[in-house]
Amino acid sequence: MDRLQRLIFSFYREEPAIQQLLQPLYGCRMRRSWGSVRIECLDDAHLEEVSALLGYLRAPLGALGLGHQIVLRGSGSRQRSYPMHVPFHSDQLA
């Protein structure tokens, strides 16, 4: 497990149901590059599984300011980009 995966699973450490949903991340390689978090998926079907998890990925990655977008890469040159902006309201910071 790389550092970014460990970060995500640690963020949800007290929520075993969400950790179970995040299992497809174990098959990914994750890295930061040029203001984005790049997630390399095994194939196109795996890319679809991981893209369904974006809501869970944005929270920990965006809260730490680790980039501006999440880029998912499948087999070949298939790639999808998603903004990572997570607004913080003052009531969440209190």
C-alpha atoms as a PDB file:
ATOM      1  CA  MET A   1       0.000   0.000   0.000  1.00  0.00           C
ATOM      2  CA  ASP A   2       1.459   3.354  -0.977  1.00  0.00           C
ATOM      3  CA  ARG A   3       1.286   6.579   1.058  1.00  0.00           C
ATOM      4  CA  LEU A   4      -1.794   8.002  -0.658  1.00  0.00           C
ATOM      5  CA  GLN A   5      -3.731   4.760  -0.210  1.00  0.00           C
ATOM      6  CA  ARG A   6      -2.683   4.660   3.431  1.00  0.00           C
ATOM      7  CA  LEU A   7      -3.879   8.253   3.824  1.00  0.00           C
ATOM      8  CA  ILE A   8      -7.330   7.430   2.433  1.00  0.00           C
ATOM      9  CA  PHE A   9      -7.787   4.281   4.494  1.00  0.00           C
ATOM     10  CA  SER A  10      -6.532   6.094   7.598  1.00  0.00           C
ATOM     11  CA  PHE A  11      -9.052   8.908   7.005  1.00  0.00           C
ATOM     12  CA  TYR A  12     -11.857   6.322   7.163  1.00  0.00           C
ATOM     13  CA  ARG A  13     -10.269   4.138   9.856  1.00  0.00           C
ATOM     14  CA  GLU A  14     -13.327   4.312  12.118  1.00  0.00           C
ATOM     15  CA  GLU A  15     -15.768   3.483   9.321  1.00  0.00           C
ATOM     16  CA  PRO A  16     -15.377  -0.185   8.328  1.00  0.00           C
ATOM     17  CA  ALA A  17     -18.292  -0.043   5.864  1.00  0.00           C
ATOM     18  CA  ILE A  18     -16.531   2.669   3.851  1.00  0.00           C
ATOM     19  CA  GLN A  19     -13.222   0.835   4.059  1.00  0.00           C
ATOM     20  CA  GLN A  20     -14.954  -2.179   2.546  1.00  0.00           C
ATOM     21  CA  LEU A  21     -16.248  -0.016  -0.318  1.00  0.00           C
ATOM     22  CA  LEU A  22     -12.713   1.271  -0.922  1.00  0.00           C
ATOM     23  CA  GLN A  23     -11.274  -2.210  -1.571  1.00  0.00           C
ATOM     24  CA  PRO A  24     -10.819  -1.559  -5.338  1.00  0.00           C
ATOM     25  CA  LEU A  25      -8.123   0.994  -4.420  1.00  0.00           C
ATOM     26  CA  TYR A  26      -5.779  -1.825  -3.411  1.00  0.00           C
ATOM     27  CA  GLY A  27      -5.326  -2.667  -7.102  1.00  0.00           C
ATOM     28  CA  CYS A  28      -4.325   0.900  -8.028  1.00  0.00           C
ATOM     29  CA  ARG A  29      -1.076   2.789  -8.140  1.00  0.00           C
ATOM     30  CA  MET A  30      -1.465   6.327  -6.823  1.00  0.00           C
ATOM     31  CA  ARG A  31       0.922   9.250  -7.160  1.00  0.00           C
ATOM     32  CA  ARG A  32       0.990  13.038  -7.132  1.00  0.00           C
ATOM     33  CA  SER A  33       2.086  14.915 -10.218  1.00  0.00           C
ATOM     34  CA  TRP A  34       1.728  18.533 -11.388  1.00  0.00           C
ATOM     35  CA  GLY A  35      -1.121  19.485  -9.062  1.00  0.00           C
ATOM     36  CA  SER A  36      -3.068  16.299  -9.525  1.00  0.00           C
ATOM     37  CA  VAL A  37      -3.417  12.920  -7.893  1.00  0.00           C
ATOM     38  CA  ARG A  38      -3.036  10.236 -10.550  1.00  0.00           C
ATOM     39  CA  ILE A  39      -4.661   6.875 -10.000  1.00  0.00           C
ATOM     40  CA  GLU A  40      -3.628   4.104 -12.367  1.00  0.00           C
ATOM     41  CA  CYS A  41      -6.306   1.423 -12.658  1.00  0.00           C
ATOM     42  CA  LEU A  42      -5.836  -2.157 -13.833  1.00  0.00           C
ATOM     43  CA  ASP A  43      -8.271  -1.918 -16.768  1.00  0.00           C
ATOM     44  CA  ASP A  44     -11.365  -0.064 -17.927  1.00  0.00           C
ATOM     45  CA  ALA A  45     -13.729  -2.047 -15.686  1.00  0.00           C
ATOM     46  CA  HIS A  46     -11.522  -1.256 -12.693  1.00  0.00           C
ATOM     47  CA  LEU A  47     -11.545   2.418 -13.712  1.00  0.00           C
ATOM     48  CA  GLU A  48     -15.351   2.376 -13.529  1.00  0.00           C
ATOM     49  CA  GLU A  49     -15.232   0.848 -10.020  1.00  0.00           C
ATOM     50  CA  VAL A  50     -12.769   3.465  -8.799  1.00  0.00           C
ATOM     51  CA  SER A  51     -14.670   6.357 -10.402  1.00  0.00           C
ATOM     52  CA  ALA A  52     -17.701   5.364  -8.307  1.00  0.00           C
ATOM     53  CA  LEU A  53     -15.558   6.059  -5.213  1.00  0.00           C
ATOM     54  CA  LEU A  54     -14.673   9.675  -6.066  1.00  0.00           C
ATOM     55  CA  GLY A  55     -16.827  11.096  -3.298  1.00  0.00           C
ATOM     56  CA  TYR A  56     -14.764   9.174  -0.764  1.00  0.00           C
ATOM     57  CA  LEU A  57     -11.460  10.132  -2.387  1.00  0.00           C
ATOM     58  CA  ARG A  58     -12.095  13.868  -2.628  1.00  0.00           C
ATOM     59  CA  ALA A  59     -12.600  14.396   1.104  1.00  0.00           C
ATOM     60  CA  PRO A  60      -9.183  13.308   2.430  1.00  0.00           C
ATOM     61  CA  LEU A  61      -7.150  14.373  -0.614  1.00  0.00           C
ATOM     62  CA  GLY A  62      -8.844  17.754  -0.973  1.00  0.00           C
ATOM     63  CA  ALA A  63      -8.808  18.525   2.746  1.00  0.00           C
ATOM     64  CA  LEU A  64      -5.025  18.236   2.753  1.00  0.00           C
ATOM     65  CA  GLY A  65      -4.661  20.258  -0.443  1.00  0.00           C
ATOM     66  CA  LEU A  66      -2.832  17.486  -2.283  1.00  0.00           C
ATOM     67  CA  GLY A  67      -3.855  18.708  -5.719  1.00  0.00           C
ATOM     68  CA  HIS A  68      -6.481  20.348  -7.879  1.00  0.00           C
ATOM     69  CA  GLN A  69      -7.784  17.281  -9.662  1.00  0.00           C
ATOM     70  CA  ILE A  70      -7.982  13.507  -9.568  1.00  0.00           C
ATOM     71  CA  VAL A  71      -6.920  11.795 -12.782  1.00  0.00           C
ATOM     72  CA  LEU A  72      -7.987   8.190 -13.342  1.00  0.00           C
ATOM     73  CA  ARG A  73      -6.113   6.191 -15.980  1.00  0.00           C
ATOM     74  CA  GLY A  74      -7.336   2.925 -17.433  1.00  0.00           C
ATOM     75  CA  SER A  75      -5.842   0.643 -20.027  1.00  0.00           C
ATOM     76  CA  GLY A  76      -4.292   2.286 -23.045  1.00  0.00           C
ATOM     77  CA  SER A  77      -4.740   6.031 -23.161  1.00  0.00           C
ATOM     78  CA  ARG A  78      -8.169   6.151 -21.504  1.00  0.00           C
ATOM     79  CA  GLN A  79      -8.146   8.865 -18.868  1.00  0.00           C
ATOM     80  CA  ARG A  80     -10.685  10.855 -16.851  1.00  0.00           C
ATOM     81  CA  SER A  81     -10.120  14.010 -14.816  1.00  0.00           C
ATOM     82  CA  TYR A  82     -12.253  15.216 -11.922  1.00  0.00           C
ATOM     83  CA  PRO A  83     -11.904  18.419  -9.879  1.00  0.00           C
ATOM     84  CA  MET A  84     -10.934  17.887  -6.274  1.00  0.00           C
ATOM     85  CA  HIS A  85     -12.395  21.052  -4.768  1.00  0.00           C
ATOM     86  CA  VAL A  86     -14.021  20.368  -1.397  1.00  0.00           C
ATOM     87  CA  PRO A  87     -15.571  23.489   0.121  1.00  0.00           C
ATOM     88  CA  PHE A  88     -15.114  23.925   3.838  1.00  0.00           C
ATOM     89  CA  HIS A  89     -17.813  25.781   5.714  1.00  0.00           C
ATOM     90  CA  SER A  90     -17.050  27.573   8.934  1.00  0.00           C
ATOM     91  CA  ASP A  91     -19.273  25.203  10.901  1.00  0.00           C
ATOM     92  CA  GLN A  92     -17.138  22.230   9.821  1.00  0.00           C
ATOM     93  CA  LEU A  93     -13.992  23.833  11.175  1.00  0.00           C
ATOM     94  CA  ALA A  94     -15.376  24.477  14.656  1.00  0.00           C
END
